[in-house]
C-alpha cells in the first residue's frame, strides 16, 4: 500500500505553479498544485477529463466555464470535461490545491 503525507507535497517554484504528484494510475491522477502569490494555471480545456479542485491552504480565484469564484481552504469545485478551467493565486500568500483528474490524460 502506498501512503503519502501531504506535508511532503509542498514544493513551490518561484518560476511557475508547481505540480506535485501523489497518486497515478492509467485511469486517474491526484496532484497537489502549489502556487506562489501571483502565479496561475491559465484557463484550458480537457475534452475527456473531469477535474476536481480542493483548496488545502490559502485562497485562489477559480474559473469553471464563464464563472469565476474565490475559494478558500476546505472548499472544492468541479471542472467537467469540455469546460474551460483555471486557477489564479490573487493573494500575497501561498495557495495549495489538491487536484483529482479522471480519466488520466497521459
PDB file of N, CA and C in Angstrom:
ATOM      1  N   UNK A   1       0.851  -1.180   0.000  1.00  0.00           N
ATOM      2  CA  UNK A   1       0.000   0.000   0.000  1.00  0.00           C
ATOM      3  C   UNK A   1       0.890   1.235   0.000  1.00  0.00           C
ATOM      4  N   UNK A   2       0.604   2.140  -0.910  1.00  0.00           N
ATOM      5  CA  UNK A   2       1.343   3.397  -0.969  1.00  0.00           C
ATOM      6  C   UNK A   2       0.661   4.406  -0.050  1.00  0.00           C
ATOM      7  N   UNK A   3       1.422   4.992   0.853  1.00  0.00           N
ATOM      8  CA  UNK A   3       0.906   6.008   1.773  1.00  0.00           C
ATOM      9  C   UNK A   3       1.697   7.290   1.552  1.00  0.00           C
ATOM     10  N   UNK A   4       0.973   8.375   1.367  1.00  0.00           N
ATOM     11  CA  UNK A   4       1.605   9.670   1.132  1.00  0.00           C
ATOM     12  C   UNK A   4       1.224  10.631   2.260  1.00  0.00           C
ATOM     13  N   UNK A   5       2.128  11.544   2.563  1.00  0.00           N
ATOM     14  CA  UNK A   5       1.881  12.583   3.548  1.00  0.00           C
ATOM     15  C   UNK A   5       1.802  13.917   2.799  1.00  0.00           C
ATOM     16  N   UNK A   6       0.673  14.611   2.939  1.00  0.00           N
ATOM     17  CA  UNK A   6       0.506  15.881   2.229  1.00  0.00           C
ATOM     18  C   UNK A   6       1.598  16.888   2.575  1.00  0.00           C
ATOM     19  N   UNK A   7       2.136  16.805   3.779  1.00  0.00           N
ATOM     20  CA  UNK A   7       3.201  17.728   4.179  1.00  0.00           C
ATOM     21  C   UNK A   7       4.438  17.563   3.294  1.00  0.00           C
ATOM     22  N   UNK A   8       4.601  16.379   2.685  1.00  0.00           N
ATOM     23  CA  UNK A   8       5.742  16.138   1.807  1.00  0.00           C
ATOM     24  C   UNK A   8       5.508  16.696   0.399  1.00  0.00           C
ATOM     25  N   UNK A   9       4.307  17.161   0.136  1.00  0.00           N
ATOM     26  CA  UNK A   9       3.951  17.647  -1.210  1.00  0.00           C
ATOM     27  C   UNK A   9       3.729  19.148  -1.184  1.00  0.00           C
ATOM     28  N   UNK A  10       4.710  19.866  -0.696  1.00  0.00           N
ATOM     29  CA  UNK A  10       4.609  21.313  -0.574  1.00  0.00           C
ATOM     30  C   UNK A  10       5.706  22.015  -1.345  1.00  0.00           C
ATOM     31  N   UNK A  11       6.166  21.399  -2.424  1.00  0.00           N
ATOM     32  CA  UNK A  11       7.230  22.029  -3.194  1.00  0.00           C
ATOM     33  C   UNK A  11       6.648  23.156  -4.041  1.00  0.00           C
ATOM     34  N   UNK A  12       7.237  24.318  -3.908  1.00  0.00           N
ATOM     35  CA  UNK A  12       6.848  25.504  -4.654  1.00  0.00           C
ATOM     36  C   UNK A  12       7.992  25.879  -5.585  1.00  0.00           C
ATOM     37  N   UNK A  13       7.698  26.636  -6.622  1.00  0.00           N
ATOM     38  CA  UNK A  13       8.718  27.129  -7.544  1.00  0.00           C
ATOM     39  C   UNK A  13       8.496  28.623  -7.737  1.00  0.00           C
ATOM     40  N   UNK A  14       9.563  29.385  -7.726  1.00  0.00           N
ATOM     41  CA  UNK A  14       9.436  30.823  -7.949  1.00  0.00           C
ATOM     42  C   UNK A  14       9.136  31.131  -9.417  1.00  0.00           C
ATOM     43  N   UNK A  15       9.379  30.171 -10.309  1.00  0.00           N
ATOM     44  CA  UNK A  15       9.203  30.389 -11.740  1.00  0.00           C
ATOM     45  C   UNK A  15       7.757  30.215 -12.203  1.00  0.00           C
ATOM     46  N   UNK A  16       7.081  29.168 -11.702  1.00  0.00           N
ATOM     47  CA  UNK A  16       5.697  28.907 -12.115  1.00  0.00           C
ATOM     48  C   UNK A  16       5.035  27.960 -11.130  1.00  0.00           C
ATOM     49  N   UNK A  17       3.724  27.841 -11.244  1.00  0.00           N
ATOM     50  CA  UNK A  17       2.969  26.924 -10.399  1.00  0.00           C
ATOM     51  C   UNK A  17       3.593  25.523 -10.484  1.00  0.00           C
ATOM     52  N   UNK A  18       3.694  24.854  -9.334  1.00  0.00           N
ATOM     53  CA  UNK A  18       4.360  23.545  -9.262  1.00  0.00           C
ATOM     54  C   UNK A  18       3.330  22.447  -9.040  1.00  0.00           C
ATOM     55  N   UNK A  19       3.383  21.403  -9.888  1.00  0.00           N
ATOM     56  CA  UNK A  19       2.520  20.234  -9.735  1.00  0.00           C
ATOM     57  C   UNK A  19       3.317  19.138  -9.033  1.00  0.00           C
ATOM     58  N   UNK A  20       2.763  18.620  -7.917  1.00  0.00           N
ATOM     59  CA  UNK A  20       3.400  17.567  -7.143  1.00  0.00           C
ATOM     60  C   UNK A  20       2.483  16.346  -7.149  1.00  0.00           C
ATOM     61  N   UNK A  21       2.921  15.256  -7.771  1.00  0.00           N
ATOM     62  CA  UNK A  21       2.067  14.080  -7.903  1.00  0.00           C
ATOM     63  C   UNK A  21       1.997  13.273  -6.611  1.00  0.00           C
ATOM     64  N   UNK A  22       0.777  12.879  -6.240  1.00  0.00           N
ATOM     65  CA  UNK A  22       0.553  11.984  -5.103  1.00  0.00           C
ATOM     66  C   UNK A  22       0.319  10.553  -5.574  1.00  0.00           C
ATOM     67  N   UNK A  23      -0.652  10.397  -6.476  1.00  0.00           N
ATOM     68  CA  UNK A  23      -1.035   9.077  -6.965  1.00  0.00           C
ATOM     69  C   UNK A  23      -1.323   9.157  -8.453  1.00  0.00           C
ATOM     70  N   UNK A  24      -1.057   8.034  -9.149  1.00  0.00           N
ATOM     71  CA  UNK A  24      -1.349   7.993 -10.567  1.00  0.00           C
ATOM     72  C   UNK A  24      -1.566   6.550 -11.005  1.00  0.00           C
ATOM     73  N   UNK A  25      -2.621   6.350 -11.779  1.00  0.00           N
ATOM     74  CA  UNK A  25      -2.872   5.068 -12.433  1.00  0.00           C
ATOM     75  C   UNK A  25      -3.214   5.371 -13.887  1.00  0.00           C
ATOM     76  N   UNK A  26      -3.518   4.341 -14.661  1.00  0.00           N
ATOM     77  CA  UNK A  26      -3.938   4.539 -16.040  1.00  0.00           C
ATOM     78  C   UNK A  26      -5.269   5.281 -16.123  1.00  0.00           C
ATOM     79  N   UNK A  27      -6.076   5.249 -15.047  1.00  0.00           N
ATOM     80  CA  UNK A  27      -7.417   5.806 -15.053  1.00  0.00           C
ATOM     81  C   UNK A  27      -7.569   7.120 -14.289  1.00  0.00           C
ATOM     82  N   UNK A  28      -6.541   7.551 -13.539  1.00  0.00           N
ATOM     83  CA  UNK A  28      -6.741   8.610 -12.562  1.00  0.00           C
ATOM     84  C   UNK A  28      -5.398   9.211 -12.168  1.00  0.00           C
ATOM     85  N   UNK A  29      -5.399  10.499 -11.798  1.00  0.00           N
ATOM     86  CA  UNK A  29      -4.239  11.019 -11.073  1.00  0.00           C
ATOM     87  C   UNK A  29      -4.677  12.040 -10.042  1.00  0.00           C
ATOM     88  N   UNK A  30      -3.835  12.193  -9.037  1.00  0.00           N
ATOM     89  CA  UNK A  30      -4.072  13.122  -7.932  1.00  0.00           C
ATOM     90  C   UNK A  30      -2.769  13.867  -7.681  1.00  0.00           C
ATOM     91  N   UNK A  31      -2.842  15.202  -7.772  1.00  0.00           N
ATOM     92  CA  UNK A  31      -1.678  16.067  -7.563  1.00  0.00           C
ATOM     93  C   UNK A  31      -1.979  17.096  -6.488  1.00  0.00           C
ATOM     94  N   UNK A  32      -0.923  17.697  -5.958  1.00  0.00           N
ATOM     95  CA  UNK A  32      -1.043  18.919  -5.166  1.00  0.00           C
ATOM     96  C   UNK A  32      -0.402  20.018  -6.000  1.00  0.00           C
ATOM     97  N   UNK A  33      -1.205  21.036  -6.350  1.00  0.00           N
ATOM     98  CA  UNK A  33      -0.701  22.187  -7.077  1.00  0.00           C
ATOM     99  C   UNK A  33      -0.314  23.247  -6.055  1.00  0.00           C
ATOM    100  N   UNK A  34       0.898  23.795  -6.189  1.00  0.00           N
ATOM    101  CA  UNK A  34       1.407  24.808  -5.268  1.00  0.00           C
ATOM    102  C   UNK A  34       1.659  26.108  -6.033  1.00  0.00           C
ATOM    103  N   UNK A  35       0.991  27.163  -5.597  1.00  0.00           N
ATOM    104  CA  UNK A  35       1.073  28.467  -6.242  1.00  0.00           C
ATOM    105  C   UNK A  35       1.693  29.487  -5.293  1.00  0.00           C
ATOM    106  N   UNK A  36       2.734  30.154  -5.744  1.00  0.00           N
ATOM    107  CA  UNK A  36       3.240  31.324  -5.037  1.00  0.00           C
ATOM    108  C   UNK A  36       2.292  32.491  -5.360  1.00  0.00           C
ATOM    109  N   UNK A  37       2.339  33.571  -4.589  1.00  0.00           N
ATOM    110  CA  UNK A  37       1.498  34.731  -4.897  1.00  0.00           C
ATOM    111  C   UNK A  37       1.660  35.173  -6.355  1.00  0.00           C
ATOM    112  N   UNK A  38       0.528  35.411  -7.017  1.00  0.00           N
ATOM    113  CA  UNK A  38       0.522  35.890  -8.391  1.00  0.00           C
ATOM    114  C   UNK A  38       0.604  34.812  -9.462  1.00  0.00           C
ATOM    115  N   UNK A  39       0.951  33.588  -9.088  1.00  0.00           N
ATOM    116  CA  UNK A  39       1.048  32.524 -10.093  1.00  0.00           C
ATOM    117  C   UNK A  39      -0.329  32.013 -10.480  1.00  0.00           C
ATOM    118  N   UNK A  40      -0.412  31.432 -11.695  1.00  0.00           N
ATOM    119  CA  UNK A  40      -1.694  30.910 -12.142  1.00  0.00           C
ATOM    120  C   UNK A  40      -1.538  29.724 -13.075  1.00  0.00           C
ATOM    121  N   UNK A  41      -2.619  28.990 -13.179  1.00  0.00           N
ATOM    122  CA  UNK A  41      -2.770  27.959 -14.197  1.00  0.00           C
ATOM    123  C   UNK A  41      -3.733  28.571 -15.206  1.00  0.00           C
ATOM    124  N   UNK A  42      -3.228  28.870 -16.391  1.00  0.00           N
ATOM    125  CA  UNK A  42      -4.047  29.510 -17.416  1.00  0.00           C
ATOM    126  C   UNK A  42      -5.276  28.660 -17.724  1.00  0.00           C
ATOM    127  N   UNK A  43      -6.361  29.321 -18.084  1.00  0.00           N
ATOM    128  CA  UNK A  43      -7.567  28.620 -18.468  1.00  0.00           C
ATOM    129  C   UNK A  43      -7.311  27.692 -19.651  1.00  0.00           C
ATOM    130  N   UNK A  44      -7.822  26.477 -19.562  1.00  0.00           N
ATOM    131  CA  UNK A  44      -7.638  25.477 -20.600  1.00  0.00           C
ATOM    132  C   UNK A  44      -8.807  24.491 -20.542  1.00  0.00           C
ATOM    133  N   UNK A  45      -8.888  23.609 -21.516  1.00  0.00           N
ATOM    134  CA  UNK A  45      -9.993  22.657 -21.620  1.00  0.00           C
ATOM    135  C   UNK A  45      -9.434  21.247 -21.775  1.00  0.00           C
ATOM    136  N   UNK A  46     -10.021  20.294 -21.050  1.00  0.00           N
ATOM    137  CA  UNK A  46      -9.775  18.864 -21.260  1.00  0.00           C
ATOM    138  C   UNK A  46     -11.062  18.299 -21.846  1.00  0.00           C
ATOM    139  N   UNK A  47     -10.991  17.786 -23.048  1.00  0.00           N
ATOM    140  CA  UNK A  47     -12.219  17.340 -23.700  1.00  0.00           C
ATOM    141  C   UNK A  47     -12.813  16.088 -23.064  1.00  0.00           C
ATOM    142  N   UNK A  48     -11.972  15.242 -22.454  1.00  0.00           N
ATOM    143  CA  UNK A  48     -12.461  13.962 -21.935  1.00  0.00           C
ATOM    144  C   UNK A  48     -12.208  13.739 -20.443  1.00  0.00           C
ATOM    145  N   UNK A  49     -11.677  14.741 -19.731  1.00  0.00           N
ATOM    146  CA  UNK A  49     -11.342  14.546 -18.323  1.00  0.00           C
ATOM    147  C   UNK A  49     -12.132  15.493 -17.429  1.00  0.00           C
ATOM    148  N   UNK A  50     -12.608  14.956 -16.316  1.00  0.00           N
ATOM    149  CA  UNK A  50     -13.192  15.769 -15.254  1.00  0.00           C
ATOM    150  C   UNK A  50     -12.086  16.085 -14.254  1.00  0.00           C
ATOM    151  N   UNK A  51     -12.147  17.293 -13.653  1.00  0.00           N
ATOM    152  CA  UNK A  51     -11.131  17.707 -12.677  1.00  0.00           C
ATOM    153  C   UNK A  51     -11.825  18.278 -11.452  1.00  0.00           C
ATOM    154  N   UNK A  52     -11.354  17.860 -10.278  1.00  0.00           N
ATOM    155  CA  UNK A  52     -11.825  18.408  -9.012  1.00  0.00           C
ATOM    156  C   UNK A  52     -10.675  19.163  -8.373  1.00  0.00           C
ATOM    157  N   UNK A  53     -10.949  20.405  -7.949  1.00  0.00           N
ATOM    158  CA  UNK A  53     -10.004  21.228  -7.189  1.00  0.00           C
ATOM    159  C   UNK A  53     -10.495  21.297  -5.748  1.00  0.00           C
ATOM    160  N   UNK A  54      -9.631  20.995  -4.777  1.00  0.00           N
ATOM    161  CA  UNK A  54      -9.943  21.112  -3.350  1.00  0.00           C
ATOM    162  C   UNK A  54      -8.844  21.958  -2.706  1.00  0.00           C
ATOM    163  N   UNK A  55      -9.221  23.114  -2.178  1.00  0.00           N
ATOM    164  CA  UNK A  55      -8.233  24.027  -1.592  1.00  0.00           C
ATOM    165  C   UNK A  55      -7.795  23.504  -0.228  1.00  0.00           C
ATOM    166  N   UNK A  56      -6.488  23.300  -0.086  1.00  0.00           N
ATOM    167  CA  UNK A  56      -5.906  22.850   1.181  1.00  0.00           C
ATOM    168  C   UNK A  56      -5.466  24.030   2.046  1.00  0.00           C
ATOM    169  N   UNK A  57      -4.940  25.071   1.387  1.00  0.00           N
ATOM    170  CA  UNK A  57      -4.377  26.212   2.113  1.00  0.00           C
ATOM    171  C   UNK A  57      -4.449  27.438   1.220  1.00  0.00           C
ATOM    172  N   UNK A  58      -4.799  28.574   1.794  1.00  0.00           N
ATOM    173  CA  UNK A  58      -4.826  29.830   1.059  1.00  0.00           C
ATOM    174  C   UNK A  58      -6.156  30.072   0.360  1.00  0.00           C
ATOM    175  N   UNK A  59      -6.124  31.010  -0.570  1.00  0.00           N
ATOM    176  CA  UNK A  59      -7.293  31.365  -1.368  1.00  0.00           C
ATOM    177  C   UNK A  59      -6.865  31.549  -2.812  1.00  0.00           C
ATOM    178  N   UNK A  60      -7.777  31.241  -3.727  1.00  0.00           N
ATOM    179  CA  UNK A  60      -7.495  31.442  -5.136  1.00  0.00           C
ATOM    180  C   UNK A  60      -8.759  31.768  -5.896  1.00  0.00           C
ATOM    181  N   UNK A  61      -8.580  32.351  -7.067  1.00  0.00           N
ATOM    182  CA  UNK A  61      -9.698  32.605  -7.965  1.00  0.00           C
ATOM    183  C   UNK A  61      -9.762  31.444  -8.945  1.00  0.00           C
ATOM    184  N   UNK A  62     -10.880  30.728  -8.922  1.00  0.00           N
ATOM    185  CA  UNK A  62     -11.084  29.553  -9.759  1.00  0.00           C
ATOM    186  C   UNK A  62     -12.071  29.889 -10.868  1.00  0.00           C
ATOM    187  N   UNK A  63     -11.737  29.473 -12.072  1.00  0.00           N
ATOM    188  CA  UNK A  63     -12.621  29.657 -13.211  1.00  0.00           C
ATOM    189  C   UNK A  63     -13.097  28.291 -13.675  1.00  0.00           C
ATOM    190  N   UNK A  64     -14.413  28.151 -13.851  1.00  0.00           N
ATOM    191  CA  UNK A  64     -15.005  26.985 -14.491  1.00  0.00           C
ATOM    192  C   UNK A  64     -16.044  27.523 -15.468  1.00  0.00           C
ATOM    193  N   UNK A  65     -15.843  27.267 -16.747  1.00  0.00           N
ATOM    194  CA  UNK A  65     -16.701  27.863 -17.764  1.00  0.00           C
ATOM    195  C   UNK A  65     -16.511  29.369 -17.759  1.00  0.00           C
ATOM    196  N   UNK A  66     -17.616  30.106 -17.719  1.00  0.00           N
ATOM    197  CA  UNK A  66     -17.537  31.570 -17.702  1.00  0.00           C
ATOM    198  C   UNK A  66     -17.549  32.126 -16.279  1.00  0.00           C
ATOM    199  N   UNK A  67     -17.757  31.253 -15.289  1.00  0.00           N
ATOM    200  CA  UNK A  67     -17.830  31.700 -13.892  1.00  0.00           C
ATOM    201  C   UNK A  67     -16.459  31.746 -13.250  1.00  0.00           C
ATOM    202  N   UNK A  68     -16.251  32.761 -12.395  1.00  0.00           N
ATOM    203  CA  UNK A  68     -15.052  32.864 -11.566  1.00  0.00           C
ATOM    204  C   UNK A  68     -15.502  33.072 -10.132  1.00  0.00           C
ATOM    205  N   UNK A  69     -14.814  32.377  -9.202  1.00  0.00           N
ATOM    206  CA  UNK A  69     -15.170  32.498  -7.792  1.00  0.00           C
ATOM    207  C   UNK A  69     -13.930  32.285  -6.935  1.00  0.00           C
ATOM    208  N   UNK A  70     -13.856  33.027  -5.844  1.00  0.00           N
ATOM    209  CA  UNK A  70     -12.773  32.851  -4.874  1.00  0.00           C
ATOM    210  C   UNK A  70     -13.142  31.696  -3.952  1.00  0.00           C
ATOM    211  N   UNK A  71     -12.216  30.737  -3.838  1.00  0.00           N
ATOM    212  CA  UNK A  71     -12.388  29.601  -2.933  1.00  0.00           C
ATOM    213  C   UNK A  71     -11.261  29.614  -1.912  1.00  0.00           C
ATOM    214  N   UNK A  72     -11.589  29.167  -0.692  1.00  0.00           N
ATOM    215  CA  UNK A  72     -10.613  29.084   0.375  1.00  0.00           C
ATOM    216  C   UNK A  72     -10.487  27.669   0.899  1.00  0.00           C
ATOM    217  N   UNK A  73      -9.653  27.511   1.924  1.00  0.00           N
ATOM    218  CA  UNK A  73      -9.364  26.194   2.497  1.00  0.00           C
ATOM    219  C   UNK A  73     -10.650  25.445   2.823  1.00  0.00           C
ATOM    220  N   UNK A  74     -10.701  24.183   2.379  1.00  0.00           N
ATOM    221  CA  UNK A  74     -11.853  23.328   2.631  1.00  0.00           C
ATOM    222  C   UNK A  74     -12.922  23.402   1.558  1.00  0.00           C
ATOM    223  N   UNK A  75     -12.789  24.321   0.603  1.00  0.00           N
ATOM    224  CA  UNK A  75     -13.786  24.445  -0.454  1.00  0.00           C
ATOM    225  C   UNK A  75     -13.278  23.755  -1.730  1.00  0.00           C
ATOM    226  N   UNK A  76     -14.235  23.245  -2.519  1.00  0.00           N
ATOM    227  CA  UNK A  76     -13.891  22.497  -3.727  1.00  0.00           C
ATOM    228  C   UNK A  76     -14.826  22.872  -4.858  1.00  0.00           C
ATOM    229  N   UNK A  77     -14.365  22.597  -6.085  1.00  0.00           N
ATOM    230  CA  UNK A  77     -15.208  22.790  -7.263  1.00  0.00           C
ATOM    231  C   UNK A  77     -14.867  21.723  -8.291  1.00  0.00           C
ATOM    232  N   UNK A  78     -15.815  21.486  -9.190  1.00  0.00           N
ATOM    233  CA  UNK A  78     -15.663  20.515 -10.265  1.00  0.00           C
ATOM    234  C   UNK A  78     -15.573  21.241 -11.598  1.00  0.00           C
ATOM    235  N   UNK A  79     -14.584  20.865 -12.401  1.00  0.00           N
ATOM    236  CA  UNK A  79     -14.474  21.353 -13.781  1.00  0.00           C
ATOM    237  C   UNK A  79     -14.785  20.158 -14.687  1.00  0.00           C
ATOM    238  N   UNK A  80     -16.022  20.075 -15.179  1.00  0.00           N
ATOM    239  CA  UNK A  80     -16.389  18.930 -16.023  1.00  0.00           C
ATOM    240  C   UNK A  80     -15.647  18.953 -17.359  1.00  0.00           C
ATOM    241  N   UNK A  81     -15.514  17.799 -17.958  1.00  0.00           N
ATOM    242  CA  UNK A  81     -14.896  17.686 -19.281  1.00  0.00           C
ATOM    243  C   UNK A  81     -15.557  18.671 -20.233  1.00  0.00           C
ATOM    244  N   UNK A  82     -14.740  19.345 -21.036  1.00  0.00           N
ATOM    245  CA  UNK A  82     -15.246  20.284 -22.021  1.00  0.00           C
ATOM    246  C   UNK A  82     -15.406  21.711 -21.534  1.00  0.00           C
ATOM    247  N   UNK A  83     -15.276  21.947 -20.229  1.00  0.00           N
ATOM    248  CA  UNK A  83     -15.406  23.300 -19.660  1.00  0.00           C
ATOM    249  C   UNK A  83     -14.012  23.916 -19.477  1.00  0.00           C
ATOM    250  N   UNK A  84     -13.865  25.158 -19.905  1.00  0.00           N
ATOM    251  CA  UNK A  84     -12.616  25.884 -19.660  1.00  0.00           C
ATOM    252  C   UNK A  84     -12.456  26.071 -18.158  1.00  0.00           C
ATOM    253  N   UNK A  85     -11.227  25.866 -17.656  1.00  0.00           N
ATOM    254  CA  UNK A  85     -10.981  25.999 -16.216  1.00  0.00           C
ATOM    255  C   UNK A  85      -9.547  26.455 -15.973  1.00  0.00           C
ATOM    256  N   UNK A  86      -9.345  27.094 -14.816  1.00  0.00           N
ATOM    257  CA  UNK A  86      -8.026  27.565 -14.429  1.00  0.00           C
ATOM    258  C   UNK A  86      -8.053  28.117 -13.019  1.00  0.00           C
ATOM    259  N   UNK A  87      -6.882  28.458 -12.501  1.00  0.00           N
ATOM    260  CA  UNK A  87      -6.727  28.930 -11.117  1.00  0.00           C
ATOM    261  C   UNK A  87      -5.712  30.062 -11.091  1.00  0.00           C
ATOM    262  N   UNK A  88      -5.976  31.078 -10.278  1.00  0.00           N
ATOM    263  CA  UNK A  88      -5.008  32.153 -10.058  1.00  0.00           C
ATOM    264  C   UNK A  88      -4.905  32.425  -8.561  1.00  0.00           C
ATOM    265  N   UNK A  89      -3.673  32.498  -8.090  1.00  0.00           N
ATOM    266  CA  UNK A  89      -3.446  32.928  -6.707  1.00  0.00           C
ATOM    267  C   UNK A  89      -3.360  34.451  -6.739  1.00  0.00           C
ATOM    268  N   UNK A  90      -4.454  35.085  -6.415  1.00  0.00           N
ATOM    269  CA  UNK A  90      -4.558  36.543  -6.464  1.00  0.00           C
ATOM    270  C   UNK A  90      -4.109  37.196  -5.152  1.00  0.00           C
ATOM    271  N   UNK A  91      -3.643  36.398  -4.200  1.00  0.00           N
ATOM    272  CA  UNK A  91      -3.314  36.914  -2.872  1.00  0.00           C
ATOM    273  C   UNK A  91      -1.802  37.053  -2.686  1.00  0.00           C
ATOM    274  N   UNK A  92      -1.407  37.536  -1.535  1.00  0.00           N
ATOM    275  CA  UNK A  92       0.001  37.644  -1.164  1.00  0.00           C
ATOM    276  C   UNK A  92       0.494  36.443  -0.377  1.00  0.00           C
ATOM    277  N   UNK A  93      -0.336  35.407  -0.249  1.00  0.00           N
ATOM    278  CA  UNK A  93       0.016  34.191   0.493  1.00  0.00           C
ATOM    279  C   UNK A  93       0.084  33.013  -0.472  1.00  0.00           C
ATOM    280  N   UNK A  94       0.704  31.928  -0.034  1.00  0.00           N
ATOM    281  CA  UNK A  94       0.768  30.719  -0.840  1.00  0.00           C
ATOM    282  C   UNK A  94      -0.595  30.040  -0.940  1.00  0.00           C
ATOM    283  N   UNK A  95      -0.780  29.286  -2.025  1.00  0.00           N
ATOM    284  CA  UNK A  95      -2.005  28.531  -2.277  1.00  0.00           C
ATOM    285  C   UNK A  95      -1.628  27.094  -2.592  1.00  0.00           C
ATOM    286  N   UNK A  96      -2.267  26.138  -1.891  1.00  0.00           N
ATOM    287  CA  UNK A  96      -2.081  24.702  -2.159  1.00  0.00           C
ATOM    288  C   UNK A  96      -3.444  24.098  -2.475  1.00  0.00           C
ATOM    289  N   UNK A  97      -3.499  23.345  -3.577  1.00  0.00           N
ATOM    290  CA  UNK A  97      -4.762  22.786  -4.056  1.00  0.00           C
ATOM    291  C   UNK A  97      -4.571  21.305  -4.371  1.00  0.00           C
ATOM    292  N   UNK A  98      -5.437  20.461  -3.822  1.00  0.00           N
ATOM    293  CA  UNK A  98      -5.463  19.037  -4.145  1.00  0.00           C
ATOM    294  C   UNK A  98      -6.300  18.881  -5.411  1.00  0.00           C
ATOM    295  N   UNK A  99      -5.754  18.186  -6.406  1.00  0.00           N
ATOM    296  CA  UNK A  99      -6.394  18.077  -7.724  1.00  0.00           C
ATOM    297  C   UNK A  99      -6.564  16.603  -8.086  1.00  0.00           C
ATOM    298  N   UNK A 100      -7.785  16.248  -8.471  1.00  0.00           N
ATOM    299  CA  UNK A 100      -8.103  14.900  -8.922  1.00  0.00           C
ATOM    300  C   UNK A 100      -8.541  14.985 -10.386  1.00  0.00           C
ATOM    301  N   UNK A 101      -7.993  14.139 -11.264  1.00  0.00           N
ATOM    302  CA  UNK A 101      -8.374  14.114 -12.677  1.00  0.00           C
ATOM    303  C   UNK A 101      -8.632  12.668 -13.099  1.00  0.00           C
ATOM    304  N   UNK A 102      -9.766  12.494 -13.804  1.00  0.00           N
ATOM    305  CA  UNK A 102     -10.114  11.179 -14.317  1.00  0.00           C
ATOM    306  C   UNK A 102     -10.913  11.341 -15.598  1.00  0.00           C
ATOM    307  N   UNK A 103     -10.637  10.539 -16.619  1.00  0.00           N
ATOM    308  CA  UNK A 103      -9.522   9.595 -16.694  1.00  0.00           C
ATOM    309  C   UNK A 103      -8.194  10.318 -16.887  1.00  0.00           C
ATOM    310  N   UNK A 104      -7.118   9.624 -16.610  1.00  0.00           N
ATOM    311  CA  UNK A 104      -5.775  10.194 -16.733  1.00  0.00           C
ATOM    312  C   UNK A 104      -5.518  10.554 -18.196  1.00  0.00           C
ATOM    313  N   UNK A 105      -5.170  11.831 -18.489  1.00  0.00           N
ATOM    314  CA  UNK A 105      -4.973  12.234 -19.878  1.00  0.00           C
ATOM    315  C   UNK A 105      -3.667  11.751 -20.511  1.00  0.00           C
ATOM    316  N   UNK A 106      -2.810  11.103 -19.739  1.00  0.00           N
ATOM    317  CA  UNK A 106      -1.496  10.721 -20.292  1.00  0.00           C
ATOM    318  C   UNK A 106      -1.560   9.644 -21.338  1.00  0.00           C
TER     319      UNK A 106
END
